[in-house]
Amino acid sequence: MSQDDVEVVENSCKAWERGDLEAWLATLHPDVVWDSSRFAGLLEASVYRGRDEVRAFLVDEWRASWDRYEARVEDVVDAGDRVLVLWSQRMVEAGGGIPLVVDTAQLCSVRDGKVIRMDNFTDRAEALEAVGLAG
């Protein structure tokens, strides 16, 4: 992965962290694929294709369902042909539910200066294994 591609992913992550969802969407390739099929036990386990589907799910539905939401990048690693991002997310369900902390991993691919694919994992070890970084 080139340094430019790593920076594309870092800029995308920064936009998501600060809640600038329009800026985040602008970092995505029009044909983006958001794959959360490896989100063990979560209802989100599905694949979304294209900016419109990703927006409808992540922005209009999922992110809007939390009273409070905070995401923080713990690390960004050049993983060969992809970029590994380690996330920590804290959220409170709408209606004042119990706070939830979820540590996840994401493998990002870049094409034409935009994020084209995001494979999401609730098991960080599985993500590390997928890019040959498991120890």
Protein backbone atom coordinates (compact mmCIF):
# COMPACT_ATOMS: atom_id res chain seq x y z
CA MET A 1 0.00 0.00 0.00
CA SER A 2 1.39 3.40 -0.87
CA GLN A 3 1.78 6.14 1.72
CA ASP A 4 -0.85 8.12 -0.23
CA ASP A 5 -3.33 5.25 0.19
CA VAL A 6 -2.59 5.04 3.92
CA GLU A 7 -3.28 8.79 4.16
CA VAL A 8 -6.59 8.34 2.32
CA VAL A 9 -7.64 5.83 4.98
CA GLU A 10 -6.36 8.04 7.81
CA ASN A 11 -8.34 11.02 6.47
CA SER A 12 -11.45 8.87 6.17
CA CYS A 13 -11.03 7.71 9.78
CA LYS A 14 -10.50 11.27 11.04
CA ALA A 15 -13.73 12.42 9.36
CA TRP A 16 -15.67 9.53 10.98
CA GLU A 17 -14.11 10.21 14.40
CA ARG A 18 -15.11 13.87 14.38
CA GLY A 19 -18.61 13.05 13.13
CA ASP A 20 -18.21 14.84 9.80
CA LEU A 21 -20.25 12.28 7.92
CA GLU A 22 -20.38 14.20 4.63
CA ALA A 23 -16.58 14.47 4.61
CA TRP A 24 -16.37 10.78 5.49
CA LEU A 25 -18.71 9.82 2.63
CA ALA A 26 -16.58 11.93 0.26
CA THR A 27 -13.58 9.69 1.05
CA LEU A 28 -15.48 6.65 -0.22
CA HIS A 29 -15.32 5.40 -3.80
CA PRO A 30 -18.75 5.45 -5.50
CA ASP A 31 -18.56 1.63 -5.71
CA VAL A 32 -17.51 1.15 -2.07
CA VAL A 33 -18.26 -2.14 -0.34
CA TRP A 34 -18.88 -2.13 3.43
CA ASP A 35 -18.66 -5.74 4.65
CA SER A 36 -19.70 -6.34 8.23
CA SER A 37 -20.42 -10.06 7.74
CA ARG A 38 -17.66 -10.80 10.29
CA PHE A 39 -19.37 -8.82 13.06
CA ALA A 40 -20.01 -11.83 15.28
CA GLY A 41 -23.41 -11.77 16.94
CA LEU A 42 -24.38 -8.29 15.80
CA LEU A 43 -27.45 -7.48 13.74
CA GLU A 44 -25.32 -5.43 11.36
CA ALA A 45 -23.81 -8.59 9.84
CA SER A 46 -24.35 -7.71 6.20
CA VAL A 47 -22.74 -6.28 3.08
CA TYR A 48 -23.59 -2.85 1.67
CA ARG A 49 -22.59 -1.79 -1.83
CA GLY A 50 -22.22 1.74 -3.14
CA ARG A 51 -22.24 5.07 -1.33
CA ASP A 52 -26.04 5.22 -1.21
CA GLU A 53 -26.41 1.87 0.58
CA VAL A 54 -23.52 2.66 2.92
CA ARG A 55 -25.03 6.06 3.75
CA ALA A 56 -28.50 4.59 4.29
CA PHE A 57 -27.21 1.99 6.72
CA LEU A 58 -24.29 3.64 8.53
CA VAL A 59 -25.37 7.27 8.62
CA ASP A 60 -29.16 7.31 8.39
CA GLU A 61 -29.87 4.13 10.35
CA TRP A 62 -27.00 2.80 12.46
CA ARG A 63 -25.22 5.95 13.62
CA ALA A 64 -28.54 7.75 14.16
CA SER A 65 -29.69 4.95 16.50
CA TRP A 66 -27.32 6.00 19.31
CA ASP A 67 -27.95 8.75 21.86
CA ARG A 68 -24.19 9.08 22.20
CA TYR A 69 -21.49 7.74 19.92
CA GLU A 70 -17.74 8.13 20.01
CA ALA A 71 -15.17 6.41 17.80
CA ARG A 72 -11.43 6.51 18.26
CA VAL A 73 -8.70 5.08 16.07
CA GLU A 74 -6.12 3.22 18.12
CA ASP A 75 -3.78 2.38 15.25
CA VAL A 76 -3.45 2.49 11.46
CA VAL A 77 -1.08 -0.07 9.92
CA ASP A 78 0.09 -0.54 6.34
CA ALA A 79 -0.79 -4.20 5.80
CA GLY A 80 0.51 -4.75 2.27
CA ASP A 81 -2.36 -4.39 -0.16
CA ARG A 82 -4.72 -3.11 2.56
CA VAL A 83 -4.69 -0.79 5.56
CA LEU A 84 -5.53 -2.17 8.99
CA VAL A 85 -7.41 0.16 11.33
CA LEU A 86 -7.99 -0.69 14.99
CA TRP A 87 -11.06 1.09 16.39
CA SER A 88 -12.54 1.59 19.83
CA GLN A 89 -16.18 2.67 19.85
CA ARG A 90 -18.29 3.81 22.77
CA MET A 91 -22.01 4.25 22.43
CA VAL A 92 -25.25 4.56 24.34
CA GLU A 93 -28.42 3.24 22.75
CA ALA A 94 -31.25 5.66 22.02
CA GLY A 95 -33.54 5.94 25.03
CA GLY A 96 -30.69 5.83 27.54
CA GLY A 97 -29.58 2.24 27.27
CA ILE A 98 -26.51 0.71 28.85
CA PRO A 99 -23.18 2.05 27.54
CA LEU A 100 -21.46 -0.29 25.12
CA VAL A 101 -17.75 -0.43 24.28
CA VAL A 102 -16.73 -2.31 21.14
CA ASP A 103 -13.14 -2.77 19.96
CA THR A 104 -13.04 -3.69 16.30
CA ALA A 105 -10.70 -3.95 13.34
CA GLN A 106 -11.20 -2.83 9.78
CA LEU A 107 -9.29 -3.72 6.63
CA CYS A 108 -9.49 -0.97 4.02
CA SER A 109 -8.64 -1.08 0.34
CA VAL A 110 -8.09 2.03 -1.77
CA ARG A 111 -8.66 2.65 -5.48
CA ASP A 112 -8.38 5.93 -7.38
CA GLY A 113 -7.65 7.85 -4.17
CA LYS A 114 -10.85 6.67 -2.43
CA VAL A 115 -11.69 3.88 -0.01
CA ILE A 116 -13.21 1.11 -2.17
CA ARG A 117 -13.69 -1.65 0.41
CA MET A 118 -13.96 -1.94 4.19
CA ASP A 119 -13.97 -5.39 5.77
CA ASN A 120 -15.01 -5.13 9.42
CA PHE A 121 -14.16 -7.54 12.24
CA THR A 122 -15.28 -7.84 15.86
CA ASP A 123 -12.40 -10.30 16.36
CA ARG A 124 -9.19 -8.33 15.91
CA ALA A 125 -7.12 -11.53 15.76
CA GLU A 126 -9.13 -12.61 12.71
CA ALA A 127 -8.34 -9.32 10.97
CA LEU A 128 -4.64 -9.65 11.79
CA GLU A 129 -4.65 -13.20 10.45
CA ALA A 130 -6.37 -12.05 7.24
CA VAL A 131 -3.39 -9.81 6.43
CA GLY A 132 -0.69 -12.13 7.71
CA LEU A 133 0.10 -10.16 10.87
CA ALA A 134 -1.05 -12.77 13.40
CA GLY A 135 1.67 -13.69 15.82
